[in-house]
Amino acid sequence: MKIILSPNPYRDKQMAVVREAEKVLKECGVKTVVCLPFPMGDNFKYPKEFEWRDIHKEAAGTDMLICFGGDGTILHLARYARTHNIPILGVNTGSLGYMAELEPGEVKLLRRIVKGNYRLEPHMMLDFKVHRGKRVVLEDTALNEAVIKTSSVGQEIHFRVFADGVELFTCSGDGVIIGTPTGSTAYNVSAGGPIVEPTAHNLLLTPICPHSTRAGSYVLSPEHTLLVETADANRKFVYLSVDGGKAFSLKNGDVVRTRQSKFVTKLVRLSKKSFCEILDSKMGMEALKHEK
């Protein structure tokens, strides 16, 4: 069995958690390789106890990818894992870590992997295309969401939203979130959108601070194709960001098209905790954090 260990060095600067995980897995006879989830700057000092490998070259024969970081690190690695059909197990070294399966003190539970005591939980993804006239100028895939938003403080943008060619609403506001059930506990819930069980198959559409009583959140079946048009992208700075990635500047007449992706992200689950139990636990952690 071959497992990639991918630590976010900004979240675990001493690499203590990944060192413990490597020890546990090697004791079980698992072949491990250590790869960074993203390129680091020239000033980054690689810890010498690891033999660092290129994650893109290690896909062949890899059975699992263990991510050490927060949900953002998992989102980044999901882009890579989806094309190689590699399941991801998250060890939370970030803040809340809704998608993570283990906390740092639970690393010894990785022994269950070798015994086959785990299950794979598929999470739907969304494909996004930006059409500019007859050209497609951007294609991307998201596990959480895409956000169309203005960067201008105190200014709203005008946009129209269609489902299968039928207009859902026309609205002014800060923007709109198009997400998956997995992303429902992220920006979507902060914007007043609904929490949806992450294994469900739905398209979520949530306006951000809409200047309209009609423009509420929508939970749609995954067969729909959504289109979003912005009316004033030339006068204001309007951007599209997919899973928190680099912002793409939209222009007047651009159409953002969303459909369910053929790809899924497979998350590894070691426990039998329900989504409601996990949600209650994470919400409790968040409340304690704010109390401090």
C-alpha atoms as a PDB file:
ATOM      1  CA  MET A   1       0.000   0.000   0.000  1.00  0.00           C
ATOM      2  CA  LYS A   2       1.297   3.453  -0.954  1.00  0.00           C
ATOM      3  CA  ILE A   3       0.108   6.640   0.739  1.00  0.00           C
ATOM      4  CA  ILE A   4       1.075  10.243  -0.002  1.00  0.00           C
ATOM      5  CA  LEU A   5       1.457  12.444   3.083  1.00  0.00           C
ATOM      6  CA  SER A   6       0.876  16.084   2.163  1.00  0.00           C
ATOM      7  CA  PRO A   7       1.392  18.630   4.977  1.00  0.00           C
ATOM      8  CA  ASN A   8       0.602  22.326   4.769  1.00  0.00           C
ATOM      9  CA  PRO A   9       3.761  23.866   6.312  1.00  0.00           C
ATOM     10  CA  TYR A  10       1.874  27.012   7.268  1.00  0.00           C
ATOM     11  CA  ARG A  11      -0.431  24.948   9.499  1.00  0.00           C
ATOM     12  CA  ASP A  12       2.089  22.568  11.065  1.00  0.00           C
ATOM     13  CA  LYS A  13       5.404  24.405  10.976  1.00  0.00           C
ATOM     14  CA  GLN A  14       7.240  21.802  13.055  1.00  0.00           C
ATOM     15  CA  MET A  15       5.791  18.925  10.987  1.00  0.00           C
ATOM     16  CA  ALA A  16       5.088  17.103  14.258  1.00  0.00           C
ATOM     17  CA  VAL A  17       1.779  15.608  13.131  1.00  0.00           C
ATOM     18  CA  VAL A  18       3.048  14.319   9.794  1.00  0.00           C
ATOM     19  CA  ARG A  19       6.090  12.798  11.531  1.00  0.00           C
ATOM     20  CA  GLU A  20       3.831  10.875  13.894  1.00  0.00           C
ATOM     21  CA  ALA A  21       1.584   9.756  11.021  1.00  0.00           C
ATOM     22  CA  GLU A  22       4.579   8.551   9.015  1.00  0.00           C
ATOM     23  CA  LYS A  23       5.809   6.541  12.017  1.00  0.00           C
ATOM     24  CA  VAL A  24       2.384   4.921  12.603  1.00  0.00           C
ATOM     25  CA  LEU A  25       1.988   3.941   8.943  1.00  0.00           C
ATOM     26  CA  LYS A  26       5.520   2.624   8.514  1.00  0.00           C
ATOM     27  CA  GLU A  27       5.051   0.416  11.583  1.00  0.00           C
ATOM     28  CA  CYS A  28       2.092  -1.078   9.698  1.00  0.00           C
ATOM     29  CA  GLY A  29       4.211  -1.756   6.606  1.00  0.00           C
ATOM     30  CA  VAL A  30       2.786   1.085   4.498  1.00  0.00           C
ATOM     31  CA  LYS A  31       4.983   2.808   1.927  1.00  0.00           C
ATOM     32  CA  THR A  32       4.780   6.575   2.453  1.00  0.00           C
ATOM     33  CA  VAL A  33       6.047   9.509   0.419  1.00  0.00           C
ATOM     34  CA  VAL A  34       5.939  13.142   1.582  1.00  0.00           C
ATOM     35  CA  CYS A  35       4.856  15.844  -0.873  1.00  0.00           C
ATOM     36  CA  LEU A  36       3.935  19.483  -0.452  1.00  0.00           C
ATOM     37  CA  PRO A  37       0.346  20.329  -1.470  1.00  0.00           C
ATOM     38  CA  PHE A  38       1.479  23.424  -3.376  1.00  0.00           C
ATOM     39  CA  PRO A  39       4.755  25.069  -4.469  1.00  0.00           C
ATOM     40  CA  MET A  40       6.638  27.020  -1.807  1.00  0.00           C
ATOM     41  CA  GLY A  41       8.809  30.096  -2.231  1.00  0.00           C
ATOM     42  CA  ASP A  42      12.564  29.978  -2.694  1.00  0.00           C
ATOM     43  CA  ASN A  43      13.099  30.837   0.995  1.00  0.00           C
ATOM     44  CA  PHE A  44      11.263  27.758   2.242  1.00  0.00           C
ATOM     45  CA  LYS A  45      13.562  25.447   4.221  1.00  0.00           C
ATOM     46  CA  TYR A  46      12.604  21.825   3.704  1.00  0.00           C
ATOM     47  CA  PRO A  47      12.826  19.758   6.919  1.00  0.00           C
ATOM     48  CA  LYS A  48      15.716  17.366   6.371  1.00  0.00           C
ATOM     49  CA  GLU A  49      14.072  14.342   8.004  1.00  0.00           C
ATOM     50  CA  PHE A  50      11.814  13.899   4.966  1.00  0.00           C
ATOM     51  CA  GLU A  51      12.676  12.976   1.406  1.00  0.00           C
ATOM     52  CA  TRP A  52      10.445  15.452  -0.410  1.00  0.00           C
ATOM     53  CA  ARG A  53       8.840  14.264  -3.638  1.00  0.00           C
ATOM     54  CA  ASP A  54       6.877  15.920  -6.448  1.00  0.00           C
ATOM     55  CA  ILE A  55       3.194  15.181  -5.884  1.00  0.00           C
ATOM     56  CA  HIS A  56       2.485  15.134  -9.623  1.00  0.00           C
ATOM     57  CA  LYS A  57       5.033  12.359 -10.160  1.00  0.00           C
ATOM     58  CA  GLU A  58       3.822  10.183  -7.286  1.00  0.00           C
ATOM     59  CA  ALA A  59       0.253   9.551  -8.472  1.00  0.00           C
ATOM     60  CA  ALA A  60       0.968   6.222 -10.118  1.00  0.00           C
ATOM     61  CA  GLY A  61       0.128   3.397  -7.757  1.00  0.00           C
ATOM     62  CA  THR A  62      -0.970   5.723  -4.944  1.00  0.00           C
ATOM     63  CA  ASP A  63      -3.811   4.290  -2.863  1.00  0.00           C
ATOM     64  CA  MET A  64      -4.574   7.283  -0.666  1.00  0.00           C
ATOM     65  CA  LEU A  65      -3.601  10.881   0.003  1.00  0.00           C
ATOM     66  CA  ILE A  66      -3.481  12.111   3.601  1.00  0.00           C
ATOM     67  CA  CYS A  67      -3.776  15.871   3.889  1.00  0.00           C
ATOM     68  CA  PHE A  68      -2.476  17.764   6.950  1.00  0.00           C
ATOM     69  CA  GLY A  69      -4.043  21.211   7.109  1.00  0.00           C
ATOM     70  CA  GLY A  70      -7.435  22.874   7.054  1.00  0.00           C
ATOM     71  CA  ASP A  71     -10.311  22.675   4.597  1.00  0.00           C
ATOM     72  CA  GLY A  72      -8.446  25.010   2.236  1.00  0.00           C
ATOM     73  CA  THR A  73      -5.627  22.482   1.898  1.00  0.00           C
ATOM     74  CA  ILE A  74      -8.123  19.709   1.139  1.00  0.00           C
ATOM     75  CA  LEU A  75      -9.769  21.917  -1.516  1.00  0.00           C
ATOM     76  CA  HIS A  76      -6.400  22.497  -3.140  1.00  0.00           C
ATOM     77  CA  LEU A  77      -5.518  18.797  -3.168  1.00  0.00           C
ATOM     78  CA  ALA A  78      -8.982  17.820  -4.448  1.00  0.00           C
ATOM     79  CA  ARG A  79      -8.101  19.477  -7.779  1.00  0.00           C
ATOM     80  CA  TYR A  80      -5.182  17.072  -8.094  1.00  0.00           C
ATOM     81  CA  ALA A  81      -6.787  13.955  -6.604  1.00  0.00           C
ATOM     82  CA  ARG A  82      -9.929  14.041  -8.748  1.00  0.00           C
ATOM     83  CA  THR A  83      -8.120  13.338 -12.028  1.00  0.00           C
ATOM     84  CA  HIS A  84      -6.170  10.439 -10.498  1.00  0.00           C
ATOM     85  CA  ASN A  85      -9.154   9.032  -8.566  1.00  0.00           C
ATOM     86  CA  ILE A  86      -7.201   9.120  -5.297  1.00  0.00           C
ATOM     87  CA  PRO A  87      -9.223   9.265  -2.045  1.00  0.00           C
ATOM     88  CA  ILE A  88      -8.307  11.930   0.518  1.00  0.00           C
ATOM     89  CA  LEU A  89      -8.143  11.642   4.282  1.00  0.00           C
ATOM     90  CA  GLY A  90      -7.913  14.949   6.131  1.00  0.00           C
ATOM     91  CA  VAL A  91      -6.035  15.466   9.397  1.00  0.00           C
ATOM     92  CA  ASN A  92      -7.093  18.826  10.764  1.00  0.00           C
ATOM     93  CA  THR A  93      -4.184  21.111  11.633  1.00  0.00           C
ATOM     94  CA  GLY A  94      -6.212  24.186  10.660  1.00  0.00           C
ATOM     95  CA  SER A  95      -9.128  25.809  12.468  1.00  0.00           C
ATOM     96  CA  LEU A  96     -12.470  23.949  12.256  1.00  0.00           C
ATOM     97  CA  GLY A  97     -11.805  21.472   9.457  1.00  0.00           C
ATOM     98  CA  TYR A  98     -15.322  20.412   8.456  1.00  0.00           C
ATOM     99  CA  MET A  99     -13.964  18.004   5.832  1.00  0.00           C
ATOM    100  CA  ALA A 100     -11.169  16.554   7.960  1.00  0.00           C
ATOM    101  CA  GLU A 101     -11.654  13.114   9.495  1.00  0.00           C
ATOM    102  CA  LEU A 102      -9.045  13.235  12.258  1.00  0.00           C
ATOM    103  CA  GLU A 103      -7.707  15.718  14.774  1.00  0.00           C
ATOM    104  CA  PRO A 104      -3.942  15.751  15.505  1.00  0.00           C
ATOM    105  CA  GLY A 105      -4.384  13.643  18.653  1.00  0.00           C
ATOM    106  CA  GLU A 106      -6.141  10.879  16.699  1.00  0.00           C
ATOM    107  CA  VAL A 107      -3.323   9.983  14.281  1.00  0.00           C
ATOM    108  CA  LYS A 108      -2.971   6.471  15.719  1.00  0.00           C
ATOM    109  CA  LEU A 109      -6.362   5.669  14.204  1.00  0.00           C
ATOM    110  CA  LEU A 110      -4.600   5.553  10.823  1.00  0.00           C
ATOM    111  CA  ARG A 111      -3.865   1.904  11.654  1.00  0.00           C
ATOM    112  CA  ARG A 112      -7.467   1.177  10.654  1.00  0.00           C
ATOM    113  CA  ILE A 113      -6.573   1.944   7.028  1.00  0.00           C
ATOM    114  CA  VAL A 114      -4.242  -1.043   6.815  1.00  0.00           C
ATOM    115  CA  LYS A 115      -6.972  -3.332   8.168  1.00  0.00           C
ATOM    116  CA  GLY A 116      -9.452  -1.963   5.651  1.00  0.00           C
ATOM    117  CA  ASN A 117     -11.641  -0.483   8.387  1.00  0.00           C
ATOM    118  CA  TYR A 118     -12.686   2.623   6.487  1.00  0.00           C
ATOM    119  CA  ARG A 119     -15.206   3.736   3.901  1.00  0.00           C
ATOM    120  CA  LEU A 120     -15.072   6.103   0.952  1.00  0.00           C
ATOM    121  CA  GLU A 121     -17.568   8.960   0.903  1.00  0.00           C
ATOM    122  CA  PRO A 122     -18.101  10.498  -2.573  1.00  0.00           C
ATOM    123  CA  HIS A 123     -18.710  14.249  -2.744  1.00  0.00           C
ATOM    124  CA  MET A 124     -20.077  15.841  -5.899  1.00  0.00           C
ATOM    125  CA  MET A 125     -18.143  18.568  -7.713  1.00  0.00           C
ATOM    126  CA  LEU A 126     -19.146  21.341 -10.101  1.00  0.00           C
ATOM    127  CA  ASP A 127     -17.699  22.321 -13.472  1.00  0.00           C
ATOM    128  CA  PHE A 128     -17.528  26.019 -14.337  1.00  0.00           C
ATOM    129  CA  LYS A 129     -16.985  27.654 -17.713  1.00  0.00           C
ATOM    130  CA  VAL A 130     -16.776  31.351 -18.524  1.00  0.00           C
ATOM    131  CA  HIS A 131     -18.110  32.086 -22.013  1.00  0.00           C
ATOM    132  CA  ARG A 132     -16.924  35.312 -23.641  1.00  0.00           C
ATOM    133  CA  GLY A 133     -18.748  35.535 -26.924  1.00  0.00           C
ATOM    134  CA  LYS A 134     -17.969  32.319 -28.788  1.00  0.00           C
ATOM    135  CA  ARG A 135     -14.870  31.566 -26.709  1.00  0.00           C
ATOM    136  CA  VAL A 136     -14.481  29.718 -23.415  1.00  0.00           C
ATOM    137  CA  VAL A 137     -11.942  31.801 -21.497  1.00  0.00           C
ATOM    138  CA  LEU A 138     -11.902  29.827 -18.246  1.00  0.00           C
ATOM    139  CA  GLU A 139     -12.665  26.253 -17.149  1.00  0.00           C
ATOM    140  CA  ASP A 140     -12.427  25.030 -13.569  1.00  0.00           C
ATOM    141  CA  THR A 141     -13.864  22.475 -11.150  1.00  0.00           C
ATOM    142  CA  ALA A 142     -14.917  23.049  -7.545  1.00  0.00           C
ATOM    143  CA  LEU A 143     -15.553  20.876  -4.515  1.00  0.00           C
ATOM    144  CA  ASN A 144     -16.992  23.769  -2.460  1.00  0.00           C
ATOM    145  CA  GLU A 145     -18.145  26.701  -4.556  1.00  0.00           C
ATOM    146  CA  ALA A 146     -17.568  29.457  -7.048  1.00  0.00           C
ATOM    147  CA  VAL A 147     -18.108  33.059  -5.991  1.00  0.00           C
ATOM    148  CA  ILE A 148     -18.973  35.940  -8.309  1.00  0.00           C
ATOM    149  CA  LYS A 149     -18.354  39.136  -6.409  1.00  0.00           C
ATOM    150  CA  THR A 150     -17.356  42.778  -6.681  1.00  0.00           C
ATOM    151  CA  SER A 151     -14.137  43.964  -5.077  1.00  0.00           C
ATOM    152  CA  SER A 152     -15.418  47.541  -4.848  1.00  0.00           C
ATOM    153  CA  VAL A 153     -16.247  48.521  -1.267  1.00  0.00           C
ATOM    154  CA  GLY A 154     -19.760  49.862  -0.889  1.00  0.00           C
ATOM    155  CA  GLN A 155     -20.796  49.112  -4.489  1.00  0.00           C
ATOM    156  CA  GLU A 156     -23.251  46.505  -5.675  1.00  0.00           C
ATOM    157  CA  ILE A 157     -23.338  44.610  -8.958  1.00  0.00           C
ATOM    158  CA  HIS A 158     -26.292  43.643 -11.118  1.00  0.00           C
ATOM    159  CA  PHE A 159     -26.671  40.032 -12.230  1.00  0.00           C
ATOM    160  CA  ARG A 160     -29.215  37.668 -13.763  1.00  0.00           C
ATOM    161  CA  VAL A 161     -29.463  33.968 -12.929  1.00  0.00           C
ATOM    162  CA  PHE A 162     -30.965  31.306 -15.217  1.00  0.00           C
ATOM    163  CA  ALA A 163     -31.655  27.587 -14.759  1.00  0.00           C
ATOM    164  CA  ASP A 164     -31.979  25.659 -18.035  1.00  0.00           C
ATOM    165  CA  GLY A 165     -32.731  28.900 -19.854  1.00  0.00           C
ATOM    166  CA  VAL A 166     -35.478  30.002 -17.423  1.00  0.00           C
ATOM    167  CA  GLU A 167     -34.732  33.145 -15.434  1.00  0.00           C
ATOM    168  CA  LEU A 168     -34.725  32.512 -11.681  1.00  0.00           C
ATOM    169  CA  PHE A 169     -34.140  36.115 -10.658  1.00  0.00           C
ATOM    170  CA  THR A 170     -32.511  39.430 -11.529  1.00  0.00           C
ATOM    171  CA  CYS A 171     -30.833  41.097  -8.600  1.00  0.00           C
ATOM    172  CA  SER A 172     -28.404  43.681  -7.275  1.00  0.00           C
ATOM    173  CA  GLY A 173     -26.066  42.884  -4.425  1.00  0.00           C
ATOM    174  CA  ASP A 174     -22.507  42.010  -3.465  1.00  0.00           C
ATOM    175  CA  GLY A 175     -22.522  38.889  -5.628  1.00  0.00           C
ATOM    176  CA  VAL A 176     -23.662  35.281  -5.750  1.00  0.00           C
ATOM    177  CA  ILE A 177     -22.373  31.889  -4.539  1.00  0.00           C
ATOM    178  CA  ILE A 178     -22.856  28.725  -6.606  1.00  0.00           C
ATOM    179  CA  GLY A 179     -21.954  25.757  -4.464  1.00  0.00           C
ATOM    180  CA  THR A 180     -22.179  22.090  -3.602  1.00  0.00           C
ATOM    181  CA  PRO A 181     -23.572  20.477  -0.442  1.00  0.00           C
ATOM    182  CA  THR A 182     -19.954  20.081   0.733  1.00  0.00           C
ATOM    183  CA  GLY A 183     -19.537  23.837   0.435  1.00  0.00           C
ATOM    184  CA  SER A 184     -22.788  24.600   2.235  1.00  0.00           C
ATOM    185  CA  THR A 185     -20.963  25.037   5.573  1.00  0.00           C
ATOM    186  CA  ALA A 186     -18.459  27.485   4.061  1.00  0.00           C
ATOM    187  CA  TYR A 187     -19.162  30.935   2.549  1.00  0.00           C
ATOM    188  CA  ASN A 188     -22.707  29.803   1.735  1.00  0.00           C
ATOM    189  CA  VAL A 189     -23.809  29.533   5.366  1.00  0.00           C
ATOM    190  CA  SER A 190     -22.098  32.834   6.215  1.00  0.00           C
ATOM    191  CA  ALA A 191     -24.221  34.467   3.505  1.00  0.00           C
ATOM    192  CA  GLY A 192     -27.412  33.050   4.991  1.00  0.00           C
ATOM    193  CA  GLY A 193     -27.627  29.974   2.782  1.00  0.00           C
ATOM    194  CA  PRO A 194     -28.877  26.555   3.928  1.00  0.00           C
ATOM    195  CA  ILE A 195     -26.749  23.777   5.392  1.00  0.00           C
ATOM    196  CA  VAL A 196     -27.100  20.638   3.250  1.00  0.00           C
ATOM    197  CA  GLU A 197     -25.736  17.197   4.077  1.00  0.00           C
ATOM    198  CA  PRO A 198     -22.442  16.988   2.154  1.00  0.00           C
ATOM    199  CA  THR A 199     -23.163  13.622   0.508  1.00  0.00           C
ATOM    200  CA  ALA A 200     -26.342  14.981  -1.102  1.00  0.00           C
ATOM    201  CA  HIS A 201     -26.473  15.838  -4.796  1.00  0.00           C
ATOM    202  CA  ASN A 202     -27.703  19.399  -5.205  1.00  0.00           C
ATOM    203  CA  LEU A 203     -26.786  22.742  -6.707  1.00  0.00           C
ATOM    204  CA  LEU A 204     -26.847  25.568  -4.175  1.00  0.00           C
ATOM    205  CA  LEU A 205     -27.398  29.154  -5.239  1.00  0.00           C
ATOM    206  CA  THR A 206     -27.089  31.919  -2.636  1.00  0.00           C
ATOM    207  CA  PRO A 207     -27.046  35.682  -3.352  1.00  0.00           C
ATOM    208  CA  ILE A 208     -24.643  37.720  -1.212  1.00  0.00           C
ATOM    209  CA  CYS A 209     -26.427  40.657   0.471  1.00  0.00           C
ATOM    210  CA  PRO A 210     -29.120  40.909  -2.234  1.00  0.00           C
ATOM    211  CA  HIS A 211     -31.049  44.160  -2.579  1.00  0.00           C
ATOM    212  CA  SER A 212     -34.236  42.189  -3.183  1.00  0.00           C
ATOM    213  CA  THR A 213     -36.756  40.245  -1.117  1.00  0.00           C
ATOM    214  CA  ARG A 214     -37.271  37.809  -3.998  1.00  0.00           C
ATOM    215  CA  ALA A 215     -33.658  36.683  -4.349  1.00  0.00           C
ATOM    216  CA  GLY A 216     -33.382  33.980  -1.702  1.00  0.00           C
ATOM    217  CA  SER A 217     -31.286  30.832  -1.694  1.00  0.00           C
ATOM    218  CA  TYR A 218     -32.126  27.958  -4.037  1.00  0.00           C
ATOM    219  CA  VAL A 219     -31.448  24.244  -3.588  1.00  0.00           C
ATOM    220  CA  LEU A 220     -31.767  22.602  -6.994  1.00  0.00           C
ATOM    221  CA  SER A 221     -31.406  19.100  -8.394  1.00  0.00           C
ATOM    222  CA  PRO A 222     -28.007  18.436 -10.011  1.00  0.00           C
ATOM    223  CA  GLU A 223     -29.410  17.958 -13.523  1.00  0.00           C
ATOM    224  CA  HIS A 224     -29.848  21.712 -14.004  1.00  0.00           C
ATOM    225  CA  THR A 225     -27.457  23.971 -15.883  1.00  0.00           C
ATOM    226  CA  LEU A 226     -27.046  27.386 -14.261  1.00  0.00           C
ATOM    227  CA  LEU A 227     -26.050  30.571 -16.059  1.00  0.00           C
ATOM    228  CA  VAL A 228     -25.037  33.831 -14.383  1.00  0.00           C
ATOM    229  CA  GLU A 229     -24.714  37.075 -16.343  1.00  0.00           C
ATOM    230  CA  THR A 230     -23.300  40.294 -14.889  1.00  0.00           C
ATOM    231  CA  ALA A 231     -24.525  43.569 -16.354  1.00  0.00           C
ATOM    232  CA  ASP A 232     -21.905  46.099 -15.237  1.00  0.00           C
ATOM    233  CA  ALA A 233     -18.583  44.243 -15.126  1.00  0.00           C
ATOM    234  CA  ASN A 234     -16.889  46.920 -17.252  1.00  0.00           C
ATOM    235  CA  ARG A 235     -17.715  49.758 -14.852  1.00  0.00           C
ATOM    236  CA  LYS A 236     -16.933  47.816 -11.682  1.00  0.00           C
ATOM    237  CA  PHE A 237     -14.389  45.199 -10.720  1.00  0.00           C
ATOM    238  CA  VAL A 238     -16.230  41.863 -10.811  1.00  0.00           C
ATOM    239  CA  TYR A 239     -14.387  38.613 -10.211  1.00  0.00           C
ATOM    240  CA  LEU A 240     -14.959  34.877 -10.234  1.00  0.00           C
ATOM    241  CA  SER A 241     -13.117  32.748  -7.686  1.00  0.00           C
ATOM    242  CA  VAL A 242     -13.357  28.942  -7.646  1.00  0.00           C
ATOM    243  CA  ASP A 243     -12.713  27.200  -4.311  1.00  0.00           C
ATOM    244  CA  GLY A 244     -10.857  30.238  -3.026  1.00  0.00           C
ATOM    245  CA  GLY A 245      -8.420  30.180  -5.948  1.00  0.00           C
ATOM    246  CA  LYS A 246      -7.018  33.072  -7.952  1.00  0.00           C
ATOM    247  CA  ALA A 247      -9.676  35.619  -8.892  1.00  0.00           C
ATOM    248  CA  PHE A 248     -10.605  35.801 -12.583  1.00  0.00           C
ATOM    249  CA  SER A 249     -11.761  39.176 -13.884  1.00  0.00           C
ATOM    250  CA  LEU A 250     -15.149  39.127 -15.609  1.00  0.00           C
ATOM    251  CA  LYS A 251     -16.190  41.480 -18.405  1.00  0.00           C
ATOM    252  CA  ASN A 252     -19.547  42.679 -19.667  1.00  0.00           C
ATOM    253  CA  GLY A 253     -21.331  39.934 -21.564  1.00  0.00           C
ATOM    254  CA  ASP A 254     -19.457  37.111 -19.858  1.00  0.00           C
ATOM    255  CA  VAL A 255     -21.627  34.155 -18.931  1.00  0.00           C
ATOM    256  CA  VAL A 256     -20.643  31.810 -16.095  1.00  0.00           C
ATOM    257  CA  ARG A 257     -22.015  28.327 -16.805  1.00  0.00           C
ATOM    258  CA  THR A 258     -22.294  25.709 -14.062  1.00  0.00           C
ATOM    259  CA  ARG A 259     -23.016  21.986 -14.311  1.00  0.00           C
ATOM    260  CA  GLN A 260     -22.470  18.914 -12.181  1.00  0.00           C
ATOM    261  CA  SER A 261     -19.004  17.497 -12.838  1.00  0.00           C
ATOM    262  CA  LYS A 262     -18.237  13.939 -13.867  1.00  0.00           C
ATOM    263  CA  PHE A 263     -15.525  14.048 -11.188  1.00  0.00           C
ATOM    264  CA  VAL A 264     -16.124  13.404  -7.494  1.00  0.00           C
ATOM    265  CA  THR A 265     -13.917  13.818  -4.462  1.00  0.00           C
ATOM    266  CA  LYS A 266     -13.695  10.683  -2.340  1.00  0.00           C
ATOM    267  CA  LEU A 267     -13.141  11.439   1.342  1.00  0.00           C
ATOM    268  CA  VAL A 268     -11.938   8.671   3.630  1.00  0.00           C
ATOM    269  CA  ARG A 269     -14.042   8.054   6.743  1.00  0.00           C
ATOM    270  CA  LEU A 270     -12.761   6.023   9.691  1.00  0.00           C
ATOM    271  CA  SER A 271     -15.585   6.689  12.139  1.00  0.00           C
ATOM    272  CA  LYS A 272     -19.337   6.128  12.012  1.00  0.00           C
ATOM    273  CA  LYS A 273     -20.210   9.639  13.168  1.00  0.00           C
ATOM    274  CA  SER A 274     -23.192  11.130  11.382  1.00  0.00           C
ATOM    275  CA  PHE A 275     -23.070  14.507   9.675  1.00  0.00           C
ATOM    276  CA  CYS A 276     -25.284  15.936  12.429  1.00  0.00           C
ATOM    277  CA  GLU A 277     -22.820  14.776  15.110  1.00  0.00           C
ATOM    278  CA  ILE A 278     -19.879  16.257  13.218  1.00  0.00           C
ATOM    279  CA  LEU A 279     -21.726  19.522  12.611  1.00  0.00           C
ATOM    280  CA  ASP A 280     -22.667  19.813  16.276  1.00  0.00           C
ATOM    281  CA  SER A 281     -19.055  19.179  17.294  1.00  0.00           C
ATOM    282  CA  LYS A 282     -17.606  21.722  14.848  1.00  0.00           C
ATOM    283  CA  MET A 283     -20.192  24.365  15.697  1.00  0.00           C
ATOM    284  CA  GLY A 284     -19.370  23.854  19.373  1.00  0.00           C
ATOM    285  CA  MET A 285     -15.657  24.312  18.655  1.00  0.00           C
ATOM    286  CA  GLU A 286     -16.408  27.519  16.770  1.00  0.00           C
ATOM    287  CA  ALA A 287     -18.504  28.883  19.650  1.00  0.00           C
ATOM    288  CA  LEU A 288     -15.711  28.143  22.146  1.00  0.00           C
ATOM    289  CA  LYS A 289     -13.175  29.840  19.877  1.00  0.00           C
ATOM    290  CA  HIS A 290     -15.241  33.048  19.808  1.00  0.00           C
ATOM    291  CA  GLU A 291     -15.784  32.950  23.571  1.00  0.00           C
ATOM    292  CA  LYS A 292     -12.024  33.035  24.080  1.00  0.00           C
END
